[in-house]
Amino acid sequence: MAKAKSARSSRRSAREVSSVKYQVSNEFTVVVKRSDVQYVTLCLELGVAGCGDSLEDALADTREAIGSYVESMQADNLSPWRPVPVQVLHEFLAGEGGESSAKAPTLKVLAYA
């Protein structure tokens, strides 16, 4: 009987869950890439992108996009965290042609027992 009572008391009501506030940092990791005509950015923690004719414009656009995105998610009581999958990062870095401009690094894998 005690187990059933503790299980019931540990459940959150829909009202409690909807009032959860997510902590958001003021520091984000942004990858910047120069395309043929502009700079393009991708925030790795949130999946938010930006662009601009100059690096400064692209970063300003990204800051604005991050602020709008976080504000919107918080207004809806949703977590803003959407880490960019590795495959998406690879595609972003590869560009439109699908090939990265830099030669792929050779990896030496060491295993310790």
Protein backbone atom coordinates (compact mmCIF):
# COMPACT_ATOMS: atom_id res chain seq x y z
CA MET A 1 0.00 0.00 0.00
CA ALA A 2 2.88 2.38 0.77
CA LYS A 3 4.35 1.82 -2.69
CA ALA A 4 1.08 2.73 -4.41
CA LYS A 5 0.76 5.90 -2.36
CA SER A 6 4.36 7.01 -3.09
CA ALA A 7 3.90 6.32 -6.80
CA ARG A 8 0.77 8.48 -6.85
CA SER A 9 2.42 11.29 -4.91
CA SER A 10 5.47 11.28 -7.21
CA ARG A 11 3.35 11.84 -10.34
CA ARG A 12 3.05 15.40 -11.54
CA SER A 13 -0.24 16.88 -12.59
CA ALA A 14 -0.60 18.44 -16.03
CA ARG A 15 -0.63 21.88 -14.38
CA GLU A 16 2.68 21.19 -12.59
CA VAL A 17 4.33 19.93 -15.79
CA SER A 18 3.13 22.91 -17.83
CA SER A 19 4.65 25.34 -15.33
CA VAL A 20 8.18 23.91 -15.67
CA LYS A 21 10.70 26.61 -16.65
CA TYR A 22 13.76 25.59 -18.63
CA GLN A 23 17.15 27.07 -17.82
CA VAL A 24 18.75 28.70 -20.84
CA SER A 25 22.39 29.70 -21.00
CA ASN A 26 23.58 32.97 -22.47
CA GLU A 27 26.43 31.17 -24.20
CA PHE A 28 26.00 29.08 -27.34
CA THR A 29 28.28 27.33 -29.82
CA VAL A 30 27.93 28.67 -33.35
CA VAL A 31 29.59 27.24 -36.46
CA VAL A 32 30.23 29.84 -39.17
CA LYS A 33 30.69 29.01 -42.83
CA ARG A 34 31.34 31.26 -45.81
CA SER A 35 29.27 30.35 -48.85
CA ASP A 36 29.65 31.92 -52.30
CA VAL A 37 27.57 34.99 -51.47
CA GLN A 38 27.16 35.17 -47.68
CA TYR A 39 28.11 33.88 -44.25
CA VAL A 40 25.91 31.17 -42.76
CA THR A 41 25.77 30.14 -39.09
CA LEU A 42 24.39 27.18 -37.18
CA CYS A 43 23.85 27.09 -33.40
CA LEU A 44 24.78 23.58 -32.26
CA GLU A 45 22.71 23.57 -29.06
CA LEU A 46 19.45 24.90 -30.49
CA GLY A 47 19.49 24.08 -34.20
CA VAL A 48 18.98 27.77 -35.04
CA ALA A 49 20.62 29.24 -38.16
CA GLY A 50 21.44 32.72 -39.35
CA CYS A 51 23.04 34.43 -42.33
CA GLY A 52 24.40 37.75 -43.50
CA ASP A 53 26.52 39.49 -46.11
CA SER A 54 29.32 39.95 -43.55
CA LEU A 55 30.43 37.91 -40.56
CA GLU A 56 29.10 40.61 -38.23
CA ASP A 57 25.71 40.60 -39.98
CA ALA A 58 25.50 36.81 -39.80
CA LEU A 59 26.31 36.79 -36.08
CA ALA A 60 23.81 39.59 -35.39
CA ASP A 61 21.14 37.66 -37.33
CA THR A 62 21.97 34.53 -35.33
CA ARG A 63 21.71 36.39 -32.00
CA GLU A 64 18.31 37.73 -33.02
CA ALA A 65 17.14 34.28 -34.19
CA ILE A 66 18.31 32.64 -30.95
CA GLY A 67 16.54 35.29 -28.85
CA SER A 68 13.28 34.92 -30.77
CA TYR A 69 13.45 31.13 -30.71
CA VAL A 70 14.18 30.89 -26.96
CA GLU A 71 11.47 33.45 -26.15
CA SER A 72 8.92 31.53 -28.23
CA MET A 73 9.80 28.18 -26.66
CA GLN A 74 9.68 29.62 -23.14
CA ALA A 75 6.28 31.22 -23.83
CA ASP A 76 5.00 27.73 -24.71
CA ASN A 77 6.79 26.10 -21.73
CA LEU A 78 8.85 23.95 -24.09
CA SER A 79 12.51 23.07 -23.84
CA PRO A 80 14.54 25.06 -26.37
CA TRP A 81 17.34 22.48 -26.45
CA ARG A 82 17.54 20.76 -29.85
CA PRO A 83 21.13 19.67 -30.35
CA VAL A 84 22.15 19.44 -33.99
CA PRO A 85 22.67 15.80 -35.02
CA VAL A 86 26.18 15.00 -36.25
CA GLN A 87 24.89 14.13 -39.73
CA VAL A 88 23.23 17.55 -40.05
CA LEU A 89 26.48 19.22 -38.97
CA HIS A 90 28.37 17.23 -41.62
CA GLU A 91 25.87 18.32 -44.28
CA PHE A 92 26.13 21.95 -43.14
CA LEU A 93 29.90 21.90 -43.32
CA ALA A 94 29.91 20.09 -46.68
CA GLY A 95 27.77 22.77 -48.35
CA GLU A 96 25.60 22.59 -51.42
CA GLY A 97 28.00 20.38 -53.38
CA GLY A 98 27.97 17.72 -50.69
CA GLU A 99 31.76 17.64 -50.46
CA SER A 100 33.77 19.29 -47.74
CA SER A 101 36.41 21.73 -48.95
CA ALA A 102 38.88 20.31 -46.43
CA LYS A 103 40.32 16.82 -46.75
CA ALA A 104 38.76 14.45 -44.26
CA PRO A 105 41.13 13.80 -41.36
CA THR A 106 42.61 10.40 -40.77
CA LEU A 107 41.68 9.11 -37.33
CA LYS A 108 43.85 6.90 -35.20
CA VAL A 109 41.65 5.02 -32.75
CA LEU A 110 43.18 3.84 -29.52
CA ALA A 111 41.39 1.46 -27.21
CA TYR A 112 42.28 0.99 -23.57
CA ALA A 113 41.23 -2.03 -21.58
